[in-house]
Amino acid sequence: MTDPTEKTSSDPEGASELFKELTTPSRRNFLRTMGISGMAAATAPVWAQAAQLAPIDDSEKPLAKGEQRITLKVNGQPHTLNVPGNAVLLDVLRDRLKLTGTKKGCDHGQCGACTLHINGQPVNSCLSLAAMHQGDEITTIEGLERNGQLHPIQEAFWAHDAFQCGYCTSGQMMTAAAIIKDPNIGADDASVREAMSGNICRCGAYKNILAAVQDARGKVQGAS
């Protein structure tokens, strides 16, 4: 049986090389775009990704019974949304804005998979109502990368293989991105473990996560 990745004389245009390129997962792209639609986002068309990040404006739509109009500023982009008063922030981000990097894990604030930043502080979005965050600065995993440059914590997770299945990774990185700026956390590994204790990794990648956090912390605080 012929190996489909083997280049032969019948493959003058290098089709086998293209096959390998398209079917080899990119760990860097995983960290950059995991929040848009998981691993599949690494190969998603650029236009499709851009469409998912376009601002939403419900201001011309009539409010349904029980709805209220709010404006959420997410990753620097304002969105005007008609949402039920009891709409959970996590669900609004995932279902309305299609920012699916923030994961729904336990849905009880116990696993940390849904962690994002509200005004720079890590928050479990499954426990927070969307209507509470009018005017707040909300940052999701999709917002860590700036101008094509990965955040130091994303670079560190990549370098230290600090993920396995990846489901908890976005929440781990959002908590880590907040604590690496705190000079009171990280002088010893125990303080990092304590600060990260709200984020559960069911694969047990804690050793590598700790190494990644300490690496990023050293680089961020060293550059300050």
N, C-alpha and C. Protein backbone atom coordinates (compact mmCIF):
# COMPACT_ATOMS: atom_id res chain seq x y z
N MET A 1 0.86 -1.21 0.00
CA MET A 1 0.00 0.00 0.00
C MET A 1 0.88 1.24 0.00
N THR A 2 0.58 2.20 -0.85
CA THR A 2 1.40 3.39 -0.97
C THR A 2 1.14 4.35 0.17
N ASP A 3 2.23 4.88 0.72
CA ASP A 3 2.11 5.89 1.78
C ASP A 3 1.69 7.19 1.15
N PRO A 4 0.52 7.76 1.52
CA PRO A 4 0.04 9.00 0.89
C PRO A 4 0.93 10.19 1.15
N THR A 5 1.81 10.12 2.16
CA THR A 5 2.68 11.25 2.45
C THR A 5 4.03 11.13 1.75
N GLU A 6 4.25 10.03 1.04
CA GLU A 6 5.54 9.83 0.38
C GLU A 6 5.54 10.47 -0.98
N LYS A 7 6.53 11.31 -1.25
CA LYS A 7 6.60 11.99 -2.53
C LYS A 7 7.20 11.05 -3.56
N THR A 8 6.54 10.90 -4.70
CA THR A 8 6.99 10.00 -5.75
C THR A 8 7.09 10.75 -7.06
N SER A 9 7.53 10.04 -8.08
CA SER A 9 7.67 10.67 -9.40
C SER A 9 6.32 11.06 -9.97
N SER A 10 5.24 10.45 -9.45
CA SER A 10 3.90 10.81 -9.92
C SER A 10 3.33 11.99 -9.16
N ASP A 11 4.16 12.62 -8.36
CA ASP A 11 3.74 13.74 -7.52
C ASP A 11 4.61 14.95 -7.83
N PRO A 12 4.60 15.39 -9.10
CA PRO A 12 5.53 16.45 -9.51
C PRO A 12 5.29 17.78 -8.86
N GLU A 13 4.07 18.04 -8.41
CA GLU A 13 3.75 19.35 -7.85
C GLU A 13 3.89 19.38 -6.33
N GLY A 14 4.40 18.29 -5.74
CA GLY A 14 4.60 18.27 -4.29
C GLY A 14 3.31 18.15 -3.51
N ALA A 15 2.34 17.42 -4.07
CA ALA A 15 1.04 17.29 -3.39
C ALA A 15 1.18 16.61 -2.04
N SER A 16 2.14 15.66 -1.94
CA SER A 16 2.29 14.96 -0.67
C SER A 16 2.77 15.90 0.43
N GLU A 17 3.62 16.86 0.08
CA GLU A 17 4.08 17.83 1.07
C GLU A 17 2.93 18.70 1.54
N LEU A 18 2.07 19.07 0.61
CA LEU A 18 0.90 19.87 0.96
C LEU A 18 -0.03 19.06 1.87
N PHE A 19 -0.18 17.76 1.57
CA PHE A 19 -1.01 16.89 2.40
C PHE A 19 -0.50 16.87 3.83
N LYS A 20 0.82 16.72 3.99
CA LYS A 20 1.39 16.68 5.33
C LYS A 20 1.20 18.00 6.05
N GLU A 21 1.36 19.10 5.31
CA GLU A 21 1.21 20.42 5.93
C GLU A 21 -0.21 20.64 6.43
N LEU A 22 -1.19 20.19 5.64
CA LEU A 22 -2.58 20.42 6.01
C LEU A 22 -3.07 19.49 7.10
N THR A 23 -2.41 18.32 7.25
CA THR A 23 -2.89 17.34 8.22
C THR A 23 -2.05 17.27 9.47
N THR A 24 -1.01 18.09 9.57
CA THR A 24 -0.19 18.12 10.77
C THR A 24 -0.68 19.25 11.67
N PRO A 25 -1.17 18.92 12.87
CA PRO A 25 -1.67 19.99 13.76
C PRO A 25 -0.56 20.97 14.14
N SER A 26 -0.89 22.24 14.18
CA SER A 26 0.06 23.26 14.59
C SER A 26 -0.19 23.64 16.03
N ARG A 27 0.76 23.36 16.91
CA ARG A 27 0.59 23.68 18.32
C ARG A 27 0.58 25.18 18.52
N ARG A 28 1.34 25.90 17.71
CA ARG A 28 1.33 27.35 17.83
C ARG A 28 -0.04 27.91 17.45
N ASN A 29 -0.60 27.40 16.35
CA ASN A 29 -1.92 27.86 15.95
C ASN A 29 -2.99 27.45 16.95
N PHE A 30 -2.77 26.32 17.61
CA PHE A 30 -3.71 25.89 18.65
C PHE A 30 -3.79 26.95 19.74
N LEU A 31 -2.65 27.44 20.19
CA LEU A 31 -2.64 28.43 21.26
C LEU A 31 -3.16 29.77 20.79
N ARG A 32 -2.94 30.07 19.51
CA ARG A 32 -3.36 31.38 19.00
C ARG A 32 -4.86 31.43 18.76
N THR A 33 -5.44 30.35 18.24
CA THR A 33 -6.82 30.43 17.78
C THR A 33 -7.74 29.42 18.42
N MET A 34 -7.28 28.73 19.47
CA MET A 34 -8.11 27.71 20.11
C MET A 34 -9.45 28.26 20.55
N GLY A 35 -9.48 29.55 20.87
CA GLY A 35 -10.70 30.13 21.39
C GLY A 35 -11.77 30.35 20.35
N ILE A 36 -11.42 30.37 19.08
CA ILE A 36 -12.42 30.67 18.08
C ILE A 36 -13.30 29.47 17.79
N SER A 37 -12.69 28.31 17.57
CA SER A 37 -13.52 27.12 17.39
C SER A 37 -12.72 25.86 17.68
N GLY A 38 -11.86 25.95 18.67
CA GLY A 38 -11.07 24.78 19.05
C GLY A 38 -9.99 24.48 18.05
N MET A 39 -9.56 23.23 18.00
CA MET A 39 -8.47 22.85 17.12
C MET A 39 -8.78 23.13 15.66
N ALA A 40 -10.06 23.03 15.28
CA ALA A 40 -10.42 23.26 13.88
C ALA A 40 -10.10 24.67 13.43
N ALA A 41 -10.01 25.62 14.35
CA ALA A 41 -9.77 27.01 13.98
C ALA A 41 -8.42 27.20 13.34
N ALA A 42 -7.48 26.30 13.61
CA ALA A 42 -6.14 26.45 13.04
C ALA A 42 -6.18 26.38 11.52
N THR A 43 -7.20 25.71 10.97
CA THR A 43 -7.30 25.61 9.52
C THR A 43 -8.51 26.34 8.97
N ALA A 44 -9.21 27.12 9.81
CA ALA A 44 -10.39 27.85 9.36
C ALA A 44 -9.98 29.01 8.48
N PRO A 45 -10.79 29.33 7.45
CA PRO A 45 -10.48 30.48 6.59
C PRO A 45 -10.41 31.77 7.40
N VAL A 46 -9.49 32.65 7.02
CA VAL A 46 -9.33 33.92 7.74
C VAL A 46 -10.62 34.71 7.74
N TRP A 47 -11.34 34.72 6.61
CA TRP A 47 -12.58 35.50 6.55
C TRP A 47 -13.61 34.99 7.52
N ALA A 48 -13.63 33.67 7.75
CA ALA A 48 -14.61 33.10 8.68
C ALA A 48 -14.30 33.52 10.10
N GLN A 49 -13.01 33.55 10.44
CA GLN A 49 -12.63 33.97 11.78
C GLN A 49 -12.98 35.44 11.98
N ALA A 50 -12.73 36.27 10.97
CA ALA A 50 -13.01 37.69 11.09
C ALA A 50 -14.50 37.92 11.27
N ALA A 51 -15.32 37.12 10.56
CA ALA A 51 -16.77 37.29 10.67
C ALA A 51 -17.25 37.00 12.08
N GLN A 52 -16.60 36.05 12.75
CA GLN A 52 -17.01 35.72 14.10
C GLN A 52 -16.70 36.84 15.08
N LEU A 53 -15.75 37.68 14.74
CA LEU A 53 -15.33 38.74 15.65
C LEU A 53 -15.98 40.08 15.30
N ALA A 54 -16.83 40.12 14.28
CA ALA A 54 -17.48 41.36 13.89
C ALA A 54 -18.42 41.82 15.01
N PRO A 55 -18.55 43.15 15.21
CA PRO A 55 -19.43 43.64 16.28
C PRO A 55 -20.89 43.29 16.02
N ILE A 56 -21.61 43.03 17.08
CA ILE A 56 -23.03 42.75 17.01
C ILE A 56 -23.79 43.96 17.53
N ASP A 57 -24.84 44.35 16.80
CA ASP A 57 -25.63 45.51 17.18
C ASP A 57 -27.11 45.15 17.13
N ASP A 58 -27.70 44.96 18.30
CA ASP A 58 -29.13 44.64 18.39
C ASP A 58 -29.97 45.87 18.66
N SER A 59 -29.39 47.05 18.52
CA SER A 59 -30.10 48.27 18.94
C SER A 59 -31.36 48.54 18.13
N GLU A 60 -31.46 48.00 16.92
CA GLU A 60 -32.65 48.21 16.10
C GLU A 60 -33.68 47.10 16.30
N LYS A 61 -33.34 46.10 17.08
CA LYS A 61 -34.26 45.00 17.31
C LYS A 61 -35.11 45.28 18.54
N PRO A 62 -36.41 45.01 18.46
CA PRO A 62 -37.25 45.23 19.66
C PRO A 62 -36.89 44.23 20.75
N LEU A 63 -37.00 44.66 21.97
CA LEU A 63 -36.72 43.79 23.10
C LEU A 63 -37.87 42.79 23.28
N ALA A 64 -37.51 41.53 23.43
CA ALA A 64 -38.50 40.51 23.73
C ALA A 64 -38.83 40.57 25.22
N LYS A 65 -39.88 39.89 25.61
CA LYS A 65 -40.28 39.87 27.00
C LYS A 65 -39.14 39.32 27.86
N GLY A 66 -38.80 40.06 28.91
CA GLY A 66 -37.75 39.63 29.81
C GLY A 66 -36.34 40.02 29.39
N GLU A 67 -36.20 40.63 28.21
CA GLU A 67 -34.88 41.01 27.73
C GLU A 67 -34.52 42.43 28.17
N GLN A 68 -33.22 42.71 28.18
CA GLN A 68 -32.73 44.06 28.38
C GLN A 68 -31.56 44.27 27.44
N ARG A 69 -31.30 45.53 27.12
CA ARG A 69 -30.24 45.85 26.17
C ARG A 69 -28.98 46.25 26.94
N ILE A 70 -27.89 45.60 26.62
CA ILE A 70 -26.61 45.89 27.27
C ILE A 70 -25.54 46.06 26.21
N THR A 71 -24.48 46.73 26.57
CA THR A 71 -23.31 46.83 25.70
C THR A 71 -22.12 46.21 26.43
N LEU A 72 -21.57 45.18 25.84
CA LEU A 72 -20.40 44.52 26.39
C LEU A 72 -19.17 44.86 25.55
N LYS A 73 -18.12 45.26 26.22
CA LYS A 73 -16.86 45.52 25.52
C LYS A 73 -15.96 44.31 25.70
N VAL A 74 -15.82 43.55 24.64
CA VAL A 74 -15.09 42.28 24.70
C VAL A 74 -13.88 42.34 23.77
N ASN A 75 -12.71 42.15 24.35
CA ASN A 75 -11.46 42.22 23.59
C ASN A 75 -11.36 43.52 22.80
N GLY A 76 -11.83 44.59 23.43
CA GLY A 76 -11.74 45.92 22.82
C GLY A 76 -12.87 46.25 21.86
N GLN A 77 -13.78 45.30 21.61
CA GLN A 77 -14.86 45.50 20.64
C GLN A 77 -16.20 45.61 21.36
N PRO A 78 -16.93 46.73 21.18
CA PRO A 78 -18.24 46.84 21.82
C PRO A 78 -19.32 46.07 21.05
N HIS A 79 -20.19 45.41 21.80
CA HIS A 79 -21.31 44.67 21.21
C HIS A 79 -22.58 45.09 21.95
N THR A 80 -23.60 45.53 21.22
CA THR A 80 -24.87 45.89 21.81
C THR A 80 -25.82 44.71 21.64
N LEU A 81 -26.26 44.16 22.76
CA LEU A 81 -26.99 42.90 22.73
C LEU A 81 -28.30 42.99 23.50
N ASN A 82 -29.33 42.36 22.97
CA ASN A 82 -30.56 42.16 23.71
C ASN A 82 -30.48 40.78 24.35
N VAL A 83 -30.46 40.74 25.67
CA VAL A 83 -30.30 39.46 26.37
C VAL A 83 -31.31 39.35 27.51
N PRO A 84 -31.70 38.14 27.87
CA PRO A 84 -32.54 37.98 29.06
C PRO A 84 -31.80 38.48 30.29
N GLY A 85 -32.53 38.96 31.26
CA GLY A 85 -31.91 39.48 32.47
C GLY A 85 -31.08 38.47 33.23
N ASN A 86 -31.41 37.19 33.04
CA ASN A 86 -30.67 36.14 33.74
C ASN A 86 -29.63 35.46 32.86
N ALA A 87 -29.29 36.06 31.72
CA ALA A 87 -28.31 35.46 30.81
C ALA A 87 -26.93 35.43 31.46
N VAL A 88 -26.31 34.28 31.44
CA VAL A 88 -24.98 34.10 32.03
C VAL A 88 -23.92 34.59 31.04
N LEU A 89 -22.93 35.30 31.55
CA LEU A 89 -21.89 35.87 30.69
C LEU A 89 -21.24 34.81 29.81
N LEU A 90 -20.91 33.66 30.38
CA LEU A 90 -20.28 32.59 29.61
C LEU A 90 -21.12 32.21 28.40
N ASP A 91 -22.42 32.06 28.60
CA ASP A 91 -23.30 31.65 27.51
C ASP A 91 -23.43 32.73 26.45
N VAL A 92 -23.47 33.98 26.87
CA VAL A 92 -23.55 35.08 25.90
C VAL A 92 -22.29 35.12 25.03
N LEU A 93 -21.14 34.96 25.64
CA LEU A 93 -19.90 34.97 24.88
C LEU A 93 -19.84 33.82 23.88
N ARG A 94 -20.22 32.65 24.33
CA ARG A 94 -20.12 31.47 23.47
C ARG A 94 -21.23 31.44 22.41
N ASP A 95 -22.46 31.72 22.81
CA ASP A 95 -23.60 31.54 21.91
C ASP A 95 -23.87 32.75 21.02
N ARG A 96 -23.72 33.95 21.57
CA ARG A 96 -24.00 35.15 20.77
C ARG A 96 -22.76 35.66 20.05
N LEU A 97 -21.64 35.72 20.74
CA LEU A 97 -20.43 36.28 20.13
C LEU A 97 -19.55 35.23 19.47
N LYS A 98 -19.87 33.94 19.68
CA LYS A 98 -19.12 32.83 19.09
C LYS A 98 -17.66 32.80 19.52
N LEU A 99 -17.39 33.33 20.71
CA LEU A 99 -16.05 33.26 21.28
C LEU A 99 -15.99 32.01 22.16
N THR A 100 -15.72 30.89 21.52
CA THR A 100 -15.87 29.60 22.18
C THR A 100 -14.59 29.13 22.88
N GLY A 101 -13.58 29.99 22.95
CA GLY A 101 -12.38 29.62 23.68
C GLY A 101 -12.62 29.54 25.17
N THR A 102 -13.54 30.33 25.67
CA THR A 102 -13.92 30.26 27.08
C THR A 102 -14.82 29.05 27.25
N LYS A 103 -14.33 28.03 27.96
CA LYS A 103 -15.01 26.74 27.98
C LYS A 103 -16.03 26.63 29.10
N LYS A 104 -17.06 25.85 28.82
CA LYS A 104 -18.05 25.51 29.85
C LYS A 104 -17.67 24.16 30.40
N GLY A 105 -17.20 24.15 31.65
CA GLY A 105 -16.78 22.92 32.28
C GLY A 105 -17.82 22.42 33.26
N CYS A 106 -17.61 22.73 34.54
CA CYS A 106 -18.54 22.26 35.57
C CYS A 106 -19.81 23.08 35.63
N ASP A 107 -19.74 24.35 35.17
CA ASP A 107 -20.87 25.28 35.22
C ASP A 107 -21.26 25.64 36.65
N HIS A 108 -20.34 25.40 37.59
CA HIS A 108 -20.60 25.72 39.00
C HIS A 108 -19.45 26.50 39.63
N GLY A 109 -18.54 27.01 38.82
CA GLY A 109 -17.43 27.79 39.35
C GLY A 109 -16.38 26.99 40.07
N GLN A 110 -16.28 25.69 39.77
CA GLN A 110 -15.36 24.83 40.51
C GLN A 110 -14.15 24.36 39.71
N CYS A 111 -14.20 24.47 38.37
CA CYS A 111 -13.11 23.90 37.56
C CYS A 111 -12.20 24.94 36.93
N GLY A 112 -12.68 26.17 36.73
CA GLY A 112 -11.85 27.23 36.17
C GLY A 112 -11.77 27.26 34.66
N ALA A 113 -12.42 26.34 33.96
CA ALA A 113 -12.32 26.31 32.49
C ALA A 113 -12.89 27.57 31.85
N CYS A 114 -13.81 28.25 32.53
CA CYS A 114 -14.49 29.41 31.96
C CYS A 114 -13.83 30.74 32.36
N THR A 115 -12.63 30.68 32.91
CA THR A 115 -11.98 31.90 33.42
C THR A 115 -11.69 32.89 32.30
N LEU A 116 -12.01 34.14 32.54
CA LEU A 116 -11.64 35.24 31.67
C LEU A 116 -11.28 36.43 32.55
N HIS A 117 -10.98 37.56 31.94
CA HIS A 117 -10.61 38.74 32.72
C HIS A 117 -11.73 39.78 32.67
N ILE A 118 -12.09 40.29 33.82
CA ILE A 118 -12.98 41.44 33.93
C ILE A 118 -12.16 42.56 34.55
N ASN A 119 -11.93 43.62 33.78
CA ASN A 119 -11.09 44.73 34.23
C ASN A 119 -9.74 44.23 34.76
N GLY A 120 -9.20 43.23 34.06
CA GLY A 120 -7.87 42.72 34.39
C GLY A 120 -7.81 41.64 35.43
N GLN A 121 -8.96 41.32 36.05
CA GLN A 121 -8.97 40.32 37.10
C GLN A 121 -9.62 39.02 36.61
N PRO A 122 -9.06 37.87 36.98
CA PRO A 122 -9.65 36.60 36.55
C PRO A 122 -10.99 36.34 37.23
N VAL A 123 -11.97 35.93 36.44
CA VAL A 123 -13.33 35.71 36.94
C VAL A 123 -13.88 34.44 36.30
N ASN A 124 -14.65 33.67 37.07
CA ASN A 124 -15.37 32.52 36.52
C ASN A 124 -16.64 33.04 35.84
N SER A 125 -16.64 33.00 34.51
CA SER A 125 -17.76 33.61 33.78
C SER A 125 -19.04 32.80 33.88
N CYS A 126 -18.96 31.56 34.33
CA CYS A 126 -20.20 30.76 34.47
C CYS A 126 -21.01 31.22 35.67
N LEU A 127 -20.42 32.00 36.56
CA LEU A 127 -21.13 32.47 37.76
C LEU A 127 -21.54 33.93 37.66
N SER A 128 -21.37 34.53 36.49
CA SER A 128 -21.57 35.97 36.36
C SER A 128 -22.65 36.27 35.32
N LEU A 129 -23.58 37.15 35.67
CA LEU A 129 -24.62 37.55 34.72
C LEU A 129 -24.06 38.59 33.75
N ALA A 130 -24.43 38.46 32.49
CA ALA A 130 -23.93 39.39 31.48
C ALA A 130 -24.31 40.82 31.80
N ALA A 131 -25.53 41.03 32.32
CA ALA A 131 -26.02 42.38 32.58
C ALA A 131 -25.20 43.11 33.65
N MET A 132 -24.41 42.37 34.42
CA MET A 132 -23.60 42.99 35.47
C MET A 132 -22.37 43.69 34.90
N HIS A 133 -22.08 43.50 33.62
CA HIS A 133 -20.79 43.93 33.09
C HIS A 133 -20.88 45.02 32.03
N GLN A 134 -21.95 45.80 32.10
CA GLN A 134 -22.06 46.99 31.27
C GLN A 134 -20.88 47.91 31.57
N GLY A 135 -20.10 48.24 30.54
CA GLY A 135 -18.99 49.17 30.71
C GLY A 135 -17.70 48.54 31.17
N ASP A 136 -17.72 47.27 31.55
CA ASP A 136 -16.49 46.61 31.99
C ASP A 136 -15.63 46.21 30.79
N GLU A 137 -14.33 46.08 31.04
CA GLU A 137 -13.39 45.58 30.03
C GLU A 137 -13.30 44.07 30.18
N ILE A 138 -13.82 43.35 29.19
CA ILE A 138 -13.82 41.90 29.23
C ILE A 138 -12.77 41.38 28.24
N THR A 139 -11.91 40.51 28.74
CA THR A 139 -10.90 39.90 27.86
C THR A 139 -11.04 38.39 27.93
N THR A 140 -11.17 37.77 26.77
CA THR A 140 -11.22 36.32 26.67
C THR A 140 -9.90 35.81 26.12
N ILE A 141 -9.76 34.50 26.03
CA ILE A 141 -8.52 33.93 25.51
C ILE A 141 -8.20 34.44 24.11
N GLU A 142 -9.26 34.75 23.34
CA GLU A 142 -9.03 35.26 21.99
C GLU A 142 -8.35 36.63 22.00
N GLY A 143 -8.47 37.35 23.14
CA GLY A 143 -7.92 38.70 23.22
C GLY A 143 -6.52 38.78 23.78
N LEU A 144 -5.92 37.63 24.16
CA LEU A 144 -4.56 37.68 24.71
C LEU A 144 -3.53 38.02 23.64
N GLU A 145 -3.71 37.46 22.46
CA GLU A 145 -2.78 37.74 21.37
C GLU A 145 -2.97 39.18 20.89
N ARG A 146 -1.89 39.88 20.67
CA ARG A 146 -1.96 41.27 20.21
C ARG A 146 -1.11 41.46 18.96
N ASN A 147 -1.74 41.95 17.90
CA ASN A 147 -1.03 42.28 16.66
C ASN A 147 -0.20 41.11 16.15
N GLY A 148 -0.78 39.91 16.23
CA GLY A 148 -0.09 38.73 15.72
C GLY A 148 0.95 38.15 16.64
N GLN A 149 1.12 38.74 17.83
CA GLN A 149 2.13 38.28 18.77
C GLN A 149 1.46 37.57 19.94
N LEU A 150 1.86 36.32 20.17
CA LEU A 150 1.31 35.58 21.29
C LEU A 150 1.68 36.24 22.60
N HIS A 151 0.79 36.15 23.56
CA HIS A 151 1.06 36.60 24.92
C HIS A 151 2.18 35.74 25.51
N PRO A 152 3.01 36.28 26.40
CA PRO A 152 4.08 35.47 27.00
C PRO A 152 3.60 34.16 27.62
N ILE A 153 2.39 34.16 28.20
CA ILE A 153 1.91 32.92 28.80
C ILE A 153 1.55 31.91 27.73
N GLN A 154 1.06 32.37 26.58
CA GLN A 154 0.78 31.45 25.48
C GLN A 154 2.08 30.85 24.94
N GLU A 155 3.10 31.69 24.80
CA GLU A 155 4.41 31.21 24.35
C GLU A 155 4.96 30.18 25.33
N ALA A 156 4.80 30.44 26.62
CA ALA A 156 5.34 29.55 27.64
C ALA A 156 4.61 28.21 27.66
N PHE A 157 3.28 28.24 27.52
CA PHE A 157 2.52 26.98 27.48
C PHE A 157 2.94 26.14 26.29
N TRP A 158 3.21 26.78 25.18
CA TRP A 158 3.68 26.09 23.97
C TRP A 158 5.05 25.49 24.22
N ALA A 159 5.95 26.29 24.77
CA ALA A 159 7.33 25.84 24.96
C ALA A 159 7.45 24.70 25.97
N HIS A 160 6.56 24.68 26.97
CA HIS A 160 6.67 23.69 28.05
C HIS A 160 5.65 22.56 27.92
N ASP A 161 4.97 22.47 26.80
CA ASP A 161 3.95 21.42 26.62
C ASP A 161 2.98 21.39 27.80
N ALA A 162 2.48 22.55 28.16
CA ALA A 162 1.66 22.67 29.36
C ALA A 162 0.19 22.41 29.09
N PHE A 163 -0.11 21.49 28.22
CA PHE A 163 -1.48 21.10 27.96
C PHE A 163 -1.50 19.71 27.34
N GLN A 164 -2.62 19.02 27.52
CA GLN A 164 -2.79 17.71 26.90
C GLN A 164 -4.07 17.73 26.06
N CYS A 165 -5.23 17.49 26.68
CA CYS A 165 -6.46 17.53 25.87
C CYS A 165 -6.80 18.96 25.46
N GLY A 166 -6.37 19.94 26.25
CA GLY A 166 -6.58 21.34 25.90
C GLY A 166 -7.86 21.97 26.41
N TYR A 167 -8.75 21.18 27.02
CA TYR A 167 -10.04 21.75 27.41
C TYR A 167 -9.89 22.80 28.50
N CYS A 168 -8.99 22.59 29.43
CA CYS A 168 -8.81 23.55 30.52
C CYS A 168 -7.83 24.65 30.19
N THR A 169 -7.16 24.53 29.03
CA THR A 169 -6.00 25.38 28.74
C THR A 169 -6.33 26.86 28.72
N SER A 170 -7.44 27.23 28.10
CA SER A 170 -7.75 28.67 28.03
C SER A 170 -7.96 29.26 29.41
N GLY A 171 -8.66 28.53 30.28
CA GLY A 171 -8.86 29.01 31.64
C GLY A 171 -7.56 29.06 32.43
N GLN A 172 -6.71 28.05 32.24
CA GLN A 172 -5.40 28.03 32.90
C GLN A 172 -4.59 29.27 32.49
N MET A 173 -4.58 29.56 31.19
CA MET A 173 -3.79 30.68 30.69
C MET A 173 -4.34 32.03 31.16
N MET A 174 -5.67 32.15 31.24
CA MET A 174 -6.23 33.43 31.68
C MET A 174 -5.91 33.71 33.14
N THR A 175 -5.98 32.68 33.98
CA THR A 175 -5.57 32.88 35.37
C THR A 175 -4.10 33.20 35.45
N ALA A 176 -3.29 32.44 34.72
CA ALA A 176 -1.84 32.64 34.74
C ALA A 176 -1.46 34.03 34.24
N ALA A 177 -2.13 34.49 33.19
CA ALA A 177 -1.82 35.81 32.63
C ALA A 177 -2.05 36.92 33.64
N ALA A 178 -2.98 36.70 34.56
CA ALA A 178 -3.25 37.70 35.60
C ALA A 178 -2.22 37.62 36.72
N ILE A 179 -1.86 36.41 37.14
CA ILE A 179 -1.01 36.30 38.33
C ILE A 179 0.46 36.55 38.04
N ILE A 180 0.90 36.40 36.78
CA ILE A 180 2.34 36.58 36.52
C ILE A 180 2.77 38.03 36.67
N LYS A 181 1.81 38.94 36.74
CA LYS A 181 2.14 40.35 36.94
C LYS A 181 2.20 40.73 38.41
N ASP A 182 1.81 39.81 39.28
CA ASP A 182 1.76 40.08 40.72
C ASP A 182 3.11 39.75 41.34
N PRO A 183 3.84 40.74 41.87
CA PRO A 183 5.16 40.47 42.45
C PRO A 183 5.12 39.61 43.70
N ASN A 184 3.93 39.46 44.28
CA ASN A 184 3.81 38.67 45.51
C ASN A 184 3.56 37.19 45.23
N ILE A 185 3.41 36.84 43.96
CA ILE A 185 3.16 35.44 43.58
C ILE A 185 4.32 34.95 42.72
N GLY A 186 4.87 33.81 43.09
CA GLY A 186 5.86 33.18 42.23
C GLY A 186 7.26 33.10 42.78
N ALA A 187 7.52 33.77 43.90
CA ALA A 187 8.86 33.65 44.47
C ALA A 187 9.16 32.20 44.83
N ASP A 188 8.12 31.45 45.15
CA ASP A 188 8.24 30.01 45.37
C ASP A 188 7.11 29.33 44.62
N ASP A 189 7.32 28.07 44.25
CA ASP A 189 6.32 27.35 43.46
C ASP A 189 5.01 27.19 44.20
N ALA A 190 5.06 27.10 45.52
CA ALA A 190 3.84 26.89 46.29
C ALA A 190 2.85 28.04 46.10
N SER A 191 3.35 29.26 45.98
CA SER A 191 2.45 30.41 45.82
C SER A 191 1.76 30.37 44.46
N VAL A 192 2.47 29.86 43.45
CA VAL A 192 1.84 29.71 42.12
C VAL A 192 0.78 28.63 42.17
N ARG A 193 1.10 27.51 42.80
CA ARG A 193 0.11 26.43 42.92
C ARG A 193 -1.15 26.92 43.63
N GLU A 194 -0.97 27.70 44.67
CA GLU A 194 -2.12 28.22 45.41
C GLU A 194 -2.93 29.17 44.54
N ALA A 195 -2.26 30.05 43.83
CA ALA A 195 -2.96 31.02 42.98
C ALA A 195 -3.68 30.35 41.82
N MET A 196 -3.16 29.20 41.37
CA MET A 196 -3.75 28.48 40.24
C MET A 196 -4.69 27.37 40.70
N SER A 197 -4.94 27.26 41.98
CA SER A 197 -5.68 26.12 42.52
C SER A 197 -7.13 26.06 42.06
N GLY A 198 -7.66 27.17 41.58
CA GLY A 198 -9.03 27.17 41.08
C GLY A 198 -9.18 26.62 39.68
N ASN A 199 -8.06 26.30 39.04
CA ASN A 199 -8.08 25.75 37.68
C ASN A 199 -7.68 24.29 37.71
N ILE A 200 -8.61 23.43 37.35
CA ILE A 200 -8.38 21.99 37.41
C ILE A 200 -7.97 21.47 36.03
N CYS A 201 -6.91 20.65 36.01
CA CYS A 201 -6.49 19.96 34.79
C CYS A 201 -6.74 18.47 35.00
N ARG A 202 -7.73 17.94 34.35
CA ARG A 202 -8.07 16.53 34.54
C ARG A 202 -7.02 15.60 33.92
N CYS A 203 -6.20 16.12 33.02
CA CYS A 203 -5.12 15.32 32.45
C CYS A 203 -3.91 15.25 33.38
N GLY A 204 -3.85 16.14 34.35
CA GLY A 204 -2.74 16.13 35.30
C GLY A 204 -1.46 16.75 34.79
N ALA A 205 -1.56 17.80 33.97
CA ALA A 205 -0.37 18.44 33.40
C ALA A 205 0.18 19.54 34.32
N TYR A 206 -0.02 19.40 35.62
CA TYR A 206 0.32 20.48 36.55
C TYR A 206 1.81 20.82 36.56
N LYS A 207 2.67 19.83 36.45
CA LYS A 207 4.11 20.09 36.49
C LYS A 207 4.51 21.02 35.35
N ASN A 208 4.02 20.74 34.16
CA ASN A 208 4.37 21.57 33.01
C ASN A 208 3.68 22.93 33.06
N ILE A 209 2.46 22.96 33.60
CA ILE A 209 1.77 24.24 33.75
C ILE A 209 2.56 25.13 34.71
N LEU A 210 3.02 24.57 35.81
CA LEU A 210 3.82 25.34 36.76
C LEU A 210 5.08 25.88 36.11
N ALA A 211 5.76 25.03 35.32
CA ALA A 211 6.98 25.47 34.64
C ALA A 211 6.68 26.60 33.67
N ALA A 212 5.55 26.51 32.96
CA ALA A 212 5.18 27.55 32.01
C ALA A 212 4.88 28.87 32.70
N VAL A 213 4.15 28.80 33.81
CA VAL A 213 3.81 30.01 34.54
C VAL A 213 5.07 30.69 35.08
N GLN A 214 5.97 29.91 35.65
CA GLN A 214 7.20 30.48 36.20
C GLN A 214 8.08 31.08 35.09
N ASP A 215 8.11 30.42 33.93
CA ASP A 215 8.89 30.94 32.80
C ASP A 215 8.33 32.28 32.35
N ALA A 216 7.01 32.34 32.14
CA ALA A 216 6.38 33.58 31.69
C ALA A 216 6.50 34.67 32.74
N ARG A 217 6.36 34.30 34.01
CA ARG A 217 6.47 35.28 35.09
C ARG A 217 7.85 35.92 35.09
N GLY A 218 8.87 35.11 34.93
CA GLY A 218 10.24 35.64 34.91
C GLY A 218 10.46 36.61 33.75
N LYS A 219 9.89 36.29 32.60
CA LYS A 219 10.07 37.15 31.44
C LYS A 219 9.29 38.46 31.58
N VAL A 220 8.05 38.35 32.08
CA VAL A 220 7.22 39.56 32.21
C VAL A 220 7.77 40.48 33.29
N GLN A 221 8.10 39.92 34.45
CA GLN A 221 8.61 40.76 35.53
C GLN A 221 10.03 41.23 35.25
N GLY A 222 10.79 40.44 34.51
CA GLY A 222 12.14 40.86 34.15
C GLY A 222 12.15 42.01 33.17
N ALA A 223 11.07 42.11 32.36
CA ALA A 223 10.98 43.19 31.38
C ALA A 223 10.38 44.45 31.96
N SER A 224 9.85 44.36 33.19
CA SER A 224 9.18 45.52 33.81
C SER A 224 10.19 46.60 34.20
